[in-house]
Amino acid sequence: MQAEVRAYLDHLAVERGLAANTLSSYRRDLRRYVDVLTVRGRTAIGQVGEDDVVSFLVGLREGDERHPPLAAGSAARAVVAVRGLHRFAVREGLSAADPARDVRPPAPPRRLPKAISIEDVERLLAAAGPDDTARGLRDRALLELLYGTGARISEAVGLAVDDMDLTGAVVRLHGKGGKDRVVPVGRYAREALEAYLVRARPALNVRGQGVPALFLNARGGRLSRQSAWSTLRSAAGRAGLKDVSPHTLRHSFATHLLDGGADVRVVQELLGHASVTTTQVYTLVTVDKLREVYASAHPCANA
């Protein structure tokens, strides 16, 4: 079955454009799946039955001597990979039936995204760095962009100068699966980016090889994801904030938009979510906000 798995992964990489990290996870999950099937005496994908798939799922949740039990979310990802493999096998004529069709992945517990208040965002941005150094200007522009556009940190560090259109106040973000989206850039982020591009980036660029990346490190190369993470962590520490991650700014961006009355489908487009279902988890956060306002403002709320 190794050949079928390789063909499926090639299909995902070439035709579906899955991200490298996702492909790596699928490869690991399917390797484990093939090992389980081999132990059960299945040597061809057409021999696999629904009980084999169910047994694999049970094994993921229970663990064994080589693997610890997987959480519902990780087990669900593995089952999604297996379901995709069998659909691919049927479509390519490698199997007559799909044994995974009726096997549902376990539902992970719904976790609300972590968001910080507007006041905490302002403290974080103010702590980004001094405006009289190239690094301080870069760090302020980076954090303003992350919060102002809801960009993933990988999307921010992957930007080229040409992706920015400050005149039109938009940026082209390169999202997951090779999907681009154009997102507006607000005034605060635009001003921080203009200051960085005029007063800081040229100095950083002189030290490097003239790379087209928007955000540069001290040597003039592209700023890495790890360095951007460190920038945020340092600013959060100076602002006295704990447990702030790059996704915290993304979550805060979405939550503050919805609290301000934005339509969930608009937020979906801005975040680059393939499905509005993914975005709707943020509406649960705003329901908490509505309860808070109701409890403090309605005369009968505590009756």
C-alpha atoms as a PDB file:
ATOM      1  CA  MET A   1       0.000   0.000   0.000  1.00  0.00           C
ATOM      2  CA  GLN A   2       3.009   2.300   0.135  1.00  0.00           C
ATOM      3  CA  ALA A   3       2.612   3.117  -3.561  1.00  0.00           C
ATOM      4  CA  GLU A   4      -1.031   4.151  -3.074  1.00  0.00           C
ATOM      5  CA  VAL A   5      -0.085   6.361  -0.126  1.00  0.00           C
ATOM      6  CA  ARG A   6       2.697   8.031  -2.135  1.00  0.00           C
ATOM      7  CA  ALA A   7       0.322   8.642  -5.039  1.00  0.00           C
ATOM      8  CA  TYR A   8      -2.243  10.170  -2.683  1.00  0.00           C
ATOM      9  CA  LEU A   9       0.320  12.462  -1.039  1.00  0.00           C
ATOM     10  CA  ASP A  10       1.589  13.538  -4.467  1.00  0.00           C
ATOM     11  CA  HIS A  11      -2.014  14.350  -5.418  1.00  0.00           C
ATOM     12  CA  LEU A  12      -2.410  16.483  -2.287  1.00  0.00           C
ATOM     13  CA  ALA A  13       0.859  18.320  -2.912  1.00  0.00           C
ATOM     14  CA  VAL A  14       0.481  18.937  -6.634  1.00  0.00           C
ATOM     15  CA  GLU A  15      -3.243  19.203  -7.281  1.00  0.00           C
ATOM     16  CA  ARG A  16      -4.558  20.346  -3.917  1.00  0.00           C
ATOM     17  CA  GLY A  17      -1.585  22.498  -2.928  1.00  0.00           C
ATOM     18  CA  LEU A  18      -1.535  21.419   0.727  1.00  0.00           C
ATOM     19  CA  ALA A  19       1.022  23.114   2.958  1.00  0.00           C
ATOM     20  CA  ALA A  20       4.265  21.274   3.727  1.00  0.00           C
ATOM     21  CA  ASN A  21       3.427  20.947   7.441  1.00  0.00           C
ATOM     22  CA  THR A  22       0.024  19.432   6.663  1.00  0.00           C
ATOM     23  CA  LEU A  23       1.573  16.967   4.213  1.00  0.00           C
ATOM     24  CA  SER A  24       4.130  15.959   6.830  1.00  0.00           C
ATOM     25  CA  SER A  25       1.358  15.255   9.348  1.00  0.00           C
ATOM     26  CA  TYR A  26      -0.652  13.252   6.788  1.00  0.00           C
ATOM     27  CA  ARG A  27       2.452  11.252   5.846  1.00  0.00           C
ATOM     28  CA  ARG A  28       3.082  10.377   9.487  1.00  0.00           C
ATOM     29  CA  ASP A  29      -0.565   9.429  10.096  1.00  0.00           C
ATOM     30  CA  LEU A  30      -0.769   7.246   6.993  1.00  0.00           C
ATOM     31  CA  ARG A  31       2.506   5.512   7.791  1.00  0.00           C
ATOM     32  CA  ARG A  32       1.003   4.494  11.123  1.00  0.00           C
ATOM     33  CA  TYR A  33      -2.196   3.412   9.380  1.00  0.00           C
ATOM     34  CA  VAL A  34      -0.312   1.171   6.945  1.00  0.00           C
ATOM     35  CA  ASP A  35       1.611  -0.383   9.857  1.00  0.00           C
ATOM     36  CA  VAL A  36      -1.679  -1.233  11.594  1.00  0.00           C
ATOM     37  CA  LEU A  37      -3.154  -2.703   8.408  1.00  0.00           C
ATOM     38  CA  THR A  38      -0.045  -4.824   7.845  1.00  0.00           C
ATOM     39  CA  VAL A  39      -0.343  -6.289  11.325  1.00  0.00           C
ATOM     40  CA  ARG A  40      -3.988  -7.101  10.539  1.00  0.00           C
ATOM     41  CA  GLY A  41      -2.913  -8.952   7.390  1.00  0.00           C
ATOM     42  CA  ARG A  42      -4.064  -6.404   4.811  1.00  0.00           C
ATOM     43  CA  THR A  43      -1.566  -6.203   1.945  1.00  0.00           C
ATOM     44  CA  ALA A  44      -3.666  -4.276  -0.605  1.00  0.00           C
ATOM     45  CA  ILE A  45      -5.891  -1.265  -0.157  1.00  0.00           C
ATOM     46  CA  GLY A  46      -8.830  -3.133  -1.699  1.00  0.00           C
ATOM     47  CA  GLN A  47      -8.724  -5.635   1.197  1.00  0.00           C
ATOM     48  CA  VAL A  48      -9.390  -3.003   3.871  1.00  0.00           C
ATOM     49  CA  GLY A  49     -12.778  -3.106   5.582  1.00  0.00           C
ATOM     50  CA  GLU A  50     -14.669  -0.705   7.801  1.00  0.00           C
ATOM     51  CA  ASP A  51     -13.674  -2.690  10.902  1.00  0.00           C
ATOM     52  CA  ASP A  52     -10.003  -2.061  10.054  1.00  0.00           C
ATOM     53  CA  VAL A  53     -10.590   1.686   9.927  1.00  0.00           C
ATOM     54  CA  VAL A  54     -12.579   1.652  13.185  1.00  0.00           C
ATOM     55  CA  SER A  55      -9.860  -0.416  14.856  1.00  0.00           C
ATOM     56  CA  PHE A  56      -7.266   2.133  13.744  1.00  0.00           C
ATOM     57  CA  LEU A  57      -9.326   4.970  15.227  1.00  0.00           C
ATOM     58  CA  VAL A  58      -9.743   3.110  18.524  1.00  0.00           C
ATOM     59  CA  GLY A  59      -6.005   2.463  18.624  1.00  0.00           C
ATOM     60  CA  LEU A  60      -5.286   6.157  18.126  1.00  0.00           C
ATOM     61  CA  ARG A  61      -7.427   7.106  21.103  1.00  0.00           C
ATOM     62  CA  GLU A  62      -6.172   4.287  23.362  1.00  0.00           C
ATOM     63  CA  GLY A  63      -2.492   4.301  22.373  1.00  0.00           C
ATOM     64  CA  ASP A  64      -0.112   1.351  22.510  1.00  0.00           C
ATOM     65  CA  GLU A  65       3.411   0.486  23.597  1.00  0.00           C
ATOM     66  CA  ARG A  66       4.876   2.691  20.844  1.00  0.00           C
ATOM     67  CA  HIS A  67       2.394   5.565  20.772  1.00  0.00           C
ATOM     68  CA  PRO A  68       0.693   7.563  23.526  1.00  0.00           C
ATOM     69  CA  PRO A  69      -3.083   8.099  23.244  1.00  0.00           C
ATOM     70  CA  LEU A  70      -3.973  10.920  20.869  1.00  0.00           C
ATOM     71  CA  ALA A  71      -6.261  13.780  21.749  1.00  0.00           C
ATOM     72  CA  ALA A  72      -9.504  14.033  19.811  1.00  0.00           C
ATOM     73  CA  GLY A  73      -8.139  16.732  17.506  1.00  0.00           C
ATOM     74  CA  SER A  74      -5.025  14.763  16.522  1.00  0.00           C
ATOM     75  CA  ALA A  75      -7.027  11.554  16.071  1.00  0.00           C
ATOM     76  CA  ALA A  76      -9.542  13.430  13.919  1.00  0.00           C
ATOM     77  CA  ARG A  77      -6.740  14.683  11.661  1.00  0.00           C
ATOM     78  CA  ALA A  78      -5.467  11.109  11.206  1.00  0.00           C
ATOM     79  CA  VAL A  79      -8.964   9.854  10.344  1.00  0.00           C
ATOM     80  CA  VAL A  80      -9.387  12.680   7.829  1.00  0.00           C
ATOM     81  CA  ALA A  81      -6.143  11.551   6.173  1.00  0.00           C
ATOM     82  CA  VAL A  82      -7.376   7.954   6.055  1.00  0.00           C
ATOM     83  CA  ARG A  83     -10.776   8.949   4.654  1.00  0.00           C
ATOM     84  CA  GLY A  84      -9.073  11.005   1.970  1.00  0.00           C
ATOM     85  CA  LEU A  85      -6.803   8.094   1.038  1.00  0.00           C
ATOM     86  CA  HIS A  86      -9.734   5.729   0.540  1.00  0.00           C
ATOM     87  CA  ARG A  87     -11.752   8.262  -1.466  1.00  0.00           C
ATOM     88  CA  PHE A  88      -8.701   8.734  -3.674  1.00  0.00           C
ATOM     89  CA  ALA A  89      -8.301   4.951  -4.070  1.00  0.00           C
ATOM     90  CA  VAL A  90     -11.916   4.561  -5.228  1.00  0.00           C
ATOM     91  CA  ARG A  91     -11.660   7.481  -7.612  1.00  0.00           C
ATOM     92  CA  GLU A  92      -8.462   6.098  -9.149  1.00  0.00           C
ATOM     93  CA  GLY A  93      -9.888   2.586  -9.494  1.00  0.00           C
ATOM     94  CA  LEU A  94      -7.549   1.121  -6.883  1.00  0.00           C
ATOM     95  CA  SER A  95     -10.401  -0.057  -4.681  1.00  0.00           C
ATOM     96  CA  ALA A  96     -13.993  -1.053  -5.371  1.00  0.00           C
ATOM     97  CA  ALA A  97     -15.433   0.335  -2.123  1.00  0.00           C
ATOM     98  CA  ASP A  98     -14.703   3.037   0.446  1.00  0.00           C
ATOM     99  CA  PRO A  99     -14.453   1.389   3.888  1.00  0.00           C
ATOM    100  CA  ALA A 100     -13.884   4.706   5.666  1.00  0.00           C
ATOM    101  CA  ARG A 101     -16.960   6.464   4.289  1.00  0.00           C
ATOM    102  CA  ASP A 102     -19.090   5.974   7.401  1.00  0.00           C
ATOM    103  CA  VAL A 103     -16.308   6.313   9.977  1.00  0.00           C
ATOM    104  CA  ARG A 104     -16.601   9.721  11.592  1.00  0.00           C
ATOM    105  CA  PRO A 105     -13.586  11.416  13.190  1.00  0.00           C
ATOM    106  CA  PRO A 106     -13.957  12.200  16.898  1.00  0.00           C
ATOM    107  CA  ALA A 107     -15.197  15.709  17.572  1.00  0.00           C
ATOM    108  CA  PRO A 108     -12.567  17.734  19.439  1.00  0.00           C
ATOM    109  CA  PRO A 109     -13.753  19.862  22.341  1.00  0.00           C
ATOM    110  CA  ARG A 110     -14.598  23.345  21.143  1.00  0.00           C
ATOM    111  CA  ARG A 111     -12.025  25.764  22.500  1.00  0.00           C
ATOM    112  CA  LEU A 112     -12.696  29.456  22.321  1.00  0.00           C
ATOM    113  CA  PRO A 113      -9.905  31.454  20.707  1.00  0.00           C
ATOM    114  CA  LYS A 114      -7.860  33.554  23.090  1.00  0.00           C
ATOM    115  CA  ALA A 115      -8.260  37.262  22.495  1.00  0.00           C
ATOM    116  CA  ILE A 116      -6.982  40.250  24.443  1.00  0.00           C
ATOM    117  CA  SER A 117      -8.733  43.538  24.999  1.00  0.00           C
ATOM    118  CA  ILE A 118      -8.241  46.590  22.807  1.00  0.00           C
ATOM    119  CA  GLU A 119      -6.460  48.257  25.722  1.00  0.00           C
ATOM    120  CA  ASP A 120      -4.016  45.337  25.998  1.00  0.00           C
ATOM    121  CA  VAL A 121      -3.417  45.444  22.233  1.00  0.00           C
ATOM    122  CA  GLU A 122      -2.548  49.123  22.527  1.00  0.00           C
ATOM    123  CA  ARG A 123      -0.116  48.385  25.371  1.00  0.00           C
ATOM    124  CA  LEU A 124       1.472  45.608  23.329  1.00  0.00           C
ATOM    125  CA  LEU A 125       1.933  47.778  20.245  1.00  0.00           C
ATOM    126  CA  ALA A 126       3.337  50.640  22.309  1.00  0.00           C
ATOM    127  CA  ALA A 127       5.928  48.231  23.743  1.00  0.00           C
ATOM    128  CA  ALA A 128       7.078  47.012  20.318  1.00  0.00           C
ATOM    129  CA  GLY A 129      10.290  49.023  20.324  1.00  0.00           C
ATOM    130  CA  PRO A 130      11.792  52.517  20.174  1.00  0.00           C
ATOM    131  CA  ASP A 131      10.992  54.584  17.111  1.00  0.00           C
ATOM    132  CA  ASP A 132      14.597  55.814  16.765  1.00  0.00           C
ATOM    133  CA  THR A 133      16.091  52.423  15.802  1.00  0.00           C
ATOM    134  CA  ALA A 134      15.682  50.329  12.658  1.00  0.00           C
ATOM    135  CA  ARG A 135      14.736  47.289  14.702  1.00  0.00           C
ATOM    136  CA  GLY A 136      12.173  49.200  16.751  1.00  0.00           C
ATOM    137  CA  LEU A 137      10.505  50.574  13.634  1.00  0.00           C
ATOM    138  CA  ARG A 138      10.467  47.119  12.054  1.00  0.00           C
ATOM    139  CA  ASP A 139       9.009  45.470  15.143  1.00  0.00           C
ATOM    140  CA  ARG A 140       6.272  48.090  15.477  1.00  0.00           C
ATOM    141  CA  ALA A 141       5.369  47.690  11.786  1.00  0.00           C
ATOM    142  CA  LEU A 142       5.277  43.891  12.134  1.00  0.00           C
ATOM    143  CA  LEU A 143       2.970  43.885  15.165  1.00  0.00           C
ATOM    144  CA  GLU A 144       0.734  46.605  13.720  1.00  0.00           C
ATOM    145  CA  LEU A 145       0.396  44.525  10.543  1.00  0.00           C
ATOM    146  CA  LEU A 146      -0.423  41.322  12.449  1.00  0.00           C
ATOM    147  CA  TYR A 147      -3.190  42.987  14.438  1.00  0.00           C
ATOM    148  CA  GLY A 148      -4.363  45.324  11.679  1.00  0.00           C
ATOM    149  CA  THR A 149      -4.849  42.591   9.064  1.00  0.00           C
ATOM    150  CA  GLY A 150      -5.318  39.352  11.042  1.00  0.00           C
ATOM    151  CA  ALA A 151      -2.380  37.831   9.149  1.00  0.00           C
ATOM    152  CA  ARG A 152      -0.808  34.586  10.284  1.00  0.00           C
ATOM    153  CA  ILE A 153       2.798  35.100  11.315  1.00  0.00           C
ATOM    154  CA  SER A 154       3.963  32.901   8.416  1.00  0.00           C
ATOM    155  CA  GLU A 155       2.005  35.153   6.025  1.00  0.00           C
ATOM    156  CA  ALA A 156       3.579  38.298   7.499  1.00  0.00           C
ATOM    157  CA  VAL A 157       7.191  37.126   7.280  1.00  0.00           C
ATOM    158  CA  GLY A 158       6.489  35.722   3.800  1.00  0.00           C
ATOM    159  CA  LEU A 159       5.535  39.136   2.415  1.00  0.00           C
ATOM    160  CA  ALA A 160       7.558  40.877  -0.270  1.00  0.00           C
ATOM    161  CA  VAL A 161       7.717  44.657  -0.569  1.00  0.00           C
ATOM    162  CA  ASP A 162       5.663  44.399  -3.758  1.00  0.00           C
ATOM    163  CA  ASP A 163       2.829  42.736  -1.815  1.00  0.00           C
ATOM    164  CA  MET A 164       2.217  46.042  -0.039  1.00  0.00           C
ATOM    165  CA  ASP A 165       0.158  48.775  -1.668  1.00  0.00           C
ATOM    166  CA  LEU A 166       0.192  51.592   0.844  1.00  0.00           C
ATOM    167  CA  THR A 167      -1.374  54.019  -1.625  1.00  0.00           C
ATOM    168  CA  GLY A 168      -4.346  51.706  -2.033  1.00  0.00           C
ATOM    169  CA  ALA A 169      -4.134  50.719   1.671  1.00  0.00           C
ATOM    170  CA  VAL A 170      -4.165  46.970   0.969  1.00  0.00           C
ATOM    171  CA  VAL A 171      -1.800  44.026   1.297  1.00  0.00           C
ATOM    172  CA  ARG A 172      -1.770  40.731  -0.602  1.00  0.00           C
ATOM    173  CA  LEU A 173      -1.357  37.858   1.872  1.00  0.00           C
ATOM    174  CA  HIS A 174      -0.244  34.430   0.672  1.00  0.00           C
ATOM    175  CA  GLY A 175      -2.364  31.993   2.679  1.00  0.00           C
ATOM    176  CA  LYS A 176      -2.561  28.262   3.211  1.00  0.00           C
ATOM    177  CA  GLY A 177      -2.784  26.041   0.169  1.00  0.00           C
ATOM    178  CA  GLY A 178      -1.384  28.740  -2.098  1.00  0.00           C
ATOM    179  CA  LYS A 179      -4.532  30.874  -1.744  1.00  0.00           C
ATOM    180  CA  ASP A 180      -3.945  34.620  -1.849  1.00  0.00           C
ATOM    181  CA  ARG A 181      -6.258  37.247  -0.403  1.00  0.00           C
ATOM    182  CA  VAL A 182      -6.231  41.029  -0.436  1.00  0.00           C
ATOM    183  CA  VAL A 183      -6.809  42.626   2.973  1.00  0.00           C
ATOM    184  CA  PRO A 184      -7.262  46.319   3.838  1.00  0.00           C
ATOM    185  CA  VAL A 185      -4.536  47.980   5.917  1.00  0.00           C
ATOM    186  CA  GLY A 186      -5.747  50.467   8.525  1.00  0.00           C
ATOM    187  CA  ARG A 187      -4.227  53.858   9.236  1.00  0.00           C
ATOM    188  CA  TYR A 188      -2.131  52.855  12.254  1.00  0.00           C
ATOM    189  CA  ALA A 189      -0.572  49.872  10.475  1.00  0.00           C
ATOM    190  CA  ARG A 190      -0.084  51.927   7.314  1.00  0.00           C
ATOM    191  CA  GLU A 191       1.736  54.692   9.186  1.00  0.00           C
ATOM    192  CA  ALA A 192       3.963  52.165  10.981  1.00  0.00           C
ATOM    193  CA  LEU A 193       4.790  50.427   7.700  1.00  0.00           C
ATOM    194  CA  GLU A 194       5.562  53.728   5.963  1.00  0.00           C
ATOM    195  CA  ALA A 195       7.926  54.702   8.791  1.00  0.00           C
ATOM    196  CA  TYR A 196       9.658  51.326   8.589  1.00  0.00           C
ATOM    197  CA  LEU A 197       9.988  51.381   4.789  1.00  0.00           C
ATOM    198  CA  VAL A 198      11.356  54.926   4.697  1.00  0.00           C
ATOM    199  CA  ARG A 199      13.504  55.090   7.836  1.00  0.00           C
ATOM    200  CA  ALA A 200      14.519  51.517   8.658  1.00  0.00           C
ATOM    201  CA  ARG A 201      14.364  48.992   5.829  1.00  0.00           C
ATOM    202  CA  PRO A 202      16.920  50.756   3.586  1.00  0.00           C
ATOM    203  CA  ALA A 203      19.505  50.575   6.382  1.00  0.00           C
ATOM    204  CA  LEU A 204      18.810  46.880   6.972  1.00  0.00           C
ATOM    205  CA  ASN A 205      18.818  46.155   3.257  1.00  0.00           C
ATOM    206  CA  VAL A 206      22.331  47.602   2.788  1.00  0.00           C
ATOM    207  CA  ARG A 207      23.729  44.798   4.949  1.00  0.00           C
ATOM    208  CA  GLY A 208      22.111  42.023   2.915  1.00  0.00           C
ATOM    209  CA  GLN A 209      21.793  40.774  -0.640  1.00  0.00           C
ATOM    210  CA  GLY A 210      18.898  42.938  -1.748  1.00  0.00           C
ATOM    211  CA  VAL A 211      16.221  40.340  -0.946  1.00  0.00           C
ATOM    212  CA  PRO A 212      12.648  41.395  -1.810  1.00  0.00           C
ATOM    213  CA  ALA A 213      11.264  40.428   1.624  1.00  0.00           C
ATOM    214  CA  LEU A 214       9.280  43.131   3.399  1.00  0.00           C
ATOM    215  CA  PHE A 215      10.593  42.376   6.879  1.00  0.00           C
ATOM    216  CA  LEU A 216      14.376  42.048   7.145  1.00  0.00           C
ATOM    217  CA  ASN A 217      16.626  40.840   9.949  1.00  0.00           C
ATOM    218  CA  ALA A 218      19.770  42.615  11.197  1.00  0.00           C
ATOM    219  CA  ARG A 219      21.855  40.962   8.453  1.00  0.00           C
ATOM    220  CA  GLY A 220      19.551  42.072   5.660  1.00  0.00           C
ATOM    221  CA  GLY A 221      17.962  38.669   5.093  1.00  0.00           C
ATOM    222  CA  ARG A 222      14.307  37.695   5.416  1.00  0.00           C
ATOM    223  CA  LEU A 223      13.036  37.831   8.990  1.00  0.00           C
ATOM    224  CA  SER A 224      12.351  34.265  10.157  1.00  0.00           C
ATOM    225  CA  ARG A 225       9.152  33.047  11.741  1.00  0.00           C
ATOM    226  CA  GLN A 226      11.065  32.297  14.952  1.00  0.00           C
ATOM    227  CA  SER A 227      12.498  35.826  15.118  1.00  0.00           C
ATOM    228  CA  ALA A 228       9.064  37.332  14.544  1.00  0.00           C
ATOM    229  CA  TRP A 229       7.724  35.143  17.359  1.00  0.00           C
ATOM    230  CA  SER A 230      10.542  36.390  19.607  1.00  0.00           C
ATOM    231  CA  THR A 231       9.683  39.990  18.714  1.00  0.00           C
ATOM    232  CA  LEU A 232       6.105  39.496  19.864  1.00  0.00           C
ATOM    233  CA  ARG A 233       7.133  37.662  23.035  1.00  0.00           C
ATOM    234  CA  SER A 234       9.566  40.441  23.989  1.00  0.00           C
ATOM    235  CA  ALA A 235       6.965  43.155  23.413  1.00  0.00           C
ATOM    236  CA  ALA A 236       4.391  41.227  25.447  1.00  0.00           C
ATOM    237  CA  GLY A 237       6.877  40.924  28.305  1.00  0.00           C
ATOM    238  CA  ARG A 238       7.549  44.670  28.300  1.00  0.00           C
ATOM    239  CA  ALA A 239       3.799  45.316  28.248  1.00  0.00           C
ATOM    240  CA  GLY A 240       3.233  42.981  31.197  1.00  0.00           C
ATOM    241  CA  LEU A 241       1.086  40.557  29.178  1.00  0.00           C
ATOM    242  CA  LYS A 242       1.231  36.780  29.553  1.00  0.00           C
ATOM    243  CA  ASP A 243       0.433  33.936  27.151  1.00  0.00           C
ATOM    244  CA  VAL A 244       0.416  36.144  24.053  1.00  0.00           C
ATOM    245  CA  SER A 245       1.132  34.307  20.791  1.00  0.00           C
ATOM    246  CA  PRO A 246       0.990  35.391  17.143  1.00  0.00           C
ATOM    247  CA  HIS A 247      -2.434  33.771  16.916  1.00  0.00           C
ATOM    248  CA  THR A 248      -3.551  35.921  19.858  1.00  0.00           C
ATOM    249  CA  LEU A 249      -3.386  38.981  17.611  1.00  0.00           C
ATOM    250  CA  ARG A 250      -5.229  37.126  14.853  1.00  0.00           C
ATOM    251  CA  HIS A 251      -7.943  36.063  17.301  1.00  0.00           C
ATOM    252  CA  SER A 252      -8.158  39.595  18.698  1.00  0.00           C
ATOM    253  CA  PHE A 253      -8.465  41.026  15.181  1.00  0.00           C
ATOM    254  CA  ALA A 254     -11.446  38.756  14.442  1.00  0.00           C
ATOM    255  CA  THR A 255     -13.117  39.191  17.822  1.00  0.00           C
ATOM    256  CA  HIS A 256     -12.850  42.979  17.798  1.00  0.00           C
ATOM    257  CA  LEU A 257     -14.288  43.104  14.277  1.00  0.00           C
ATOM    258  CA  LEU A 258     -17.284  41.004  15.286  1.00  0.00           C
ATOM    259  CA  ASP A 259     -17.758  42.990  18.490  1.00  0.00           C
ATOM    260  CA  GLY A 260     -17.838  46.080  16.290  1.00  0.00           C
ATOM    261  CA  GLY A 261     -20.641  44.669  14.154  1.00  0.00           C
ATOM    262  CA  ALA A 262     -18.759  43.110  11.218  1.00  0.00           C
ATOM    263  CA  ASP A 263     -20.519  40.324   9.313  1.00  0.00           C
ATOM    264  CA  VAL A 264     -19.067  36.873   9.987  1.00  0.00           C
ATOM    265  CA  ARG A 265     -18.633  36.197   6.266  1.00  0.00           C
ATOM    266  CA  VAL A 266     -16.586  39.367   5.857  1.00  0.00           C
ATOM    267  CA  VAL A 267     -14.371  38.230   8.738  1.00  0.00           C
ATOM    268  CA  GLN A 268     -14.115  34.819   7.047  1.00  0.00           C
ATOM    269  CA  GLU A 269     -12.730  36.461   3.905  1.00  0.00           C
ATOM    270  CA  LEU A 270     -10.312  38.626   5.859  1.00  0.00           C
ATOM    271  CA  LEU A 271      -8.952  35.636   7.791  1.00  0.00           C
ATOM    272  CA  GLY A 272      -8.727  33.431   4.703  1.00  0.00           C
ATOM    273  CA  HIS A 273     -10.860  30.643   6.165  1.00  0.00           C
ATOM    274  CA  ALA A 274     -12.076  28.129   3.581  1.00  0.00           C
ATOM    275  CA  SER A 275     -15.313  27.585   5.520  1.00  0.00           C
ATOM    276  CA  VAL A 276     -17.433  30.012   7.513  1.00  0.00           C
ATOM    277  CA  THR A 277     -17.792  27.238  10.120  1.00  0.00           C
ATOM    278  CA  THR A 278     -14.187  27.878  11.152  1.00  0.00           C
ATOM    279  CA  THR A 279     -14.895  31.571  11.617  1.00  0.00           C
ATOM    280  CA  GLN A 280     -18.121  31.026  13.564  1.00  0.00           C
ATOM    281  CA  VAL A 281     -16.202  29.929  16.646  1.00  0.00           C
ATOM    282  CA  TYR A 282     -15.444  33.631  17.151  1.00  0.00           C
ATOM    283  CA  THR A 283     -19.140  34.385  17.428  1.00  0.00           C
ATOM    284  CA  LEU A 284     -19.149  32.397  20.677  1.00  0.00           C
ATOM    285  CA  VAL A 285     -16.719  34.944  22.066  1.00  0.00           C
ATOM    286  CA  THR A 286     -18.995  37.796  21.135  1.00  0.00           C
ATOM    287  CA  VAL A 287     -21.946  36.039  22.790  1.00  0.00           C
ATOM    288  CA  ASP A 288     -19.968  36.216  26.036  1.00  0.00           C
ATOM    289  CA  LYS A 289     -19.541  39.934  25.415  1.00  0.00           C
ATOM    290  CA  LEU A 290     -23.273  40.310  24.848  1.00  0.00           C
ATOM    291  CA  ARG A 291     -24.005  38.503  28.129  1.00  0.00           C
ATOM    292  CA  GLU A 292     -21.584  40.803  29.963  1.00  0.00           C
ATOM    293  CA  VAL A 293     -23.222  43.932  28.559  1.00  0.00           C
ATOM    294  CA  TYR A 294     -26.707  42.554  29.241  1.00  0.00           C
ATOM    295  CA  ALA A 295     -25.853  41.660  32.833  1.00  0.00           C
ATOM    296  CA  SER A 296     -24.460  45.111  33.554  1.00  0.00           C
ATOM    297  CA  ALA A 297     -27.050  47.175  31.681  1.00  0.00           C
ATOM    298  CA  HIS A 298     -30.479  45.498  31.829  1.00  0.00           C
ATOM    299  CA  PRO A 299     -32.536  46.302  34.947  1.00  0.00           C
ATOM    300  CA  CYS A 300     -33.923  42.754  35.185  1.00  0.00           C
ATOM    301  CA  ALA A 301     -30.724  40.880  34.332  1.00  0.00           C
ATOM    302  CA  ASN A 302     -30.038  39.898  37.940  1.00  0.00           C
ATOM    303  CA  ALA A 303     -33.600  39.623  39.078  1.00  0.00           C
END
